[in-house]
């Protein structure tokens, strides 16, 4: 899957990091800073430095260690390695103090869990595990928190407990193993929860399907997110992210009519698009066959999208899919079209277009023939005349076969002959009738 690929190095020196990162809080903010630090050399120092500061401020001990480690690794390959290593060096005094306090609290919480399990107090055991999970989460140790919350699932005694536990598992899974999201998010949605919680679950499900490159279902889940999400799930996603993810996934998988009904005429999405109006413009361009303008705007956003923690590994595939759909939609009404005209319509030069067309034809995404010598694309329509002739001949052969079978049957009856399967031979009193068996 695409998540296993190494992230693309991006050069966006003018990117407004402060403005962008202000949309997020907590673990999500730090994870995004660390990602930007890894993929953008120009923002590396600023991103890592800010991530380390955020960890200290929030007491995220585990994430602090990870941030320092990743920063030092990046600094080692830099020309300013010595200066950067000194800048990113771990604050040993704070680290030891935080580590000592954390170990004491962890020991107390684990002892509480052990005692409650021994007493076989189901609800108290669940509460102790929840406290342990929250402690790990407060330290930035998402994997350990997820393990604790998963241990609570079988101990839930009320629907309210089940919703709280499932919501925590979904949150941890967005930064750990996403395999749990589908089960627990749908479990929460199946209950009578408030609109904000439902929106959070749809966001998580959208990220799950996005990670599996199921862009159509991802678009459906993102489009189910209401404007209530604004500022409510900032540890995972922002409202403008939802709008961008929904539009990208829809452009890559929806028909024009679906885009019109589910994107253009979507009142809830329109509220989210207020913070990112460029996406509405892109969708309108695409749906009005102004593919060249839509592509130009998408390419202008590509570098920034490559800095997105969740989109980075998918953006190239998404843009290529949207480009291919543009070509297919524009060429659809033509029997032949010059590559120059087609390229101009979709925002590609002839040199860029030719290999794309060849690949699309090879993958059966475009039913056409490529005349490279004359730089013309010709549609390959089915031969209706030949198809009709073949159908007529087939019908005629079938009629003849049925007629012969009927004539044979009539002849057998006329001559008092019956052909029956083995074992079904019966002798009649009429000696003149003869019977044969297969």
Foldseek 3Di string as FASTA:
>chain_A
DLVPDDFAAFEDLPDPLVVVLVLFDDQLSLVLLLLLLVRYVNCNLVSLLVSLVRCLVLLQLVSNVVSLVSQLVVLVPDPNNVVSNVSSPDPVVSNVVSVVVLVVVLVVLVVQLVVCVVVVPLVSNLVSLQVNLVSNVSNVNLVSSLVSLVVNCVSDDDPVSLLVSLLSNLVSCLVPPLPSLVVSLVVNVVDPDDLQSVLSSLQSVLLSCVVVVVLVVSLVSLLSRFLSPASVPSNRDHLLRSLVSNLLSCLLDPDLVCCCVRPVPRPRSVSSCVVPVVSNVLSVCVSVLQQQVSLVSLVVCLSVQCSDPRCNSPSVVSSLSSLLVSLQVVCVVDQKDALCVSCVSNNHHLVVVVVSVVVCVVVVVAQWDADPVRRMIGHDDDPPVVVVVVVVVVVVVVVVVVVVVVVVVVVCVVQLEDEDEPPPDDDDPPPSHDYDYD
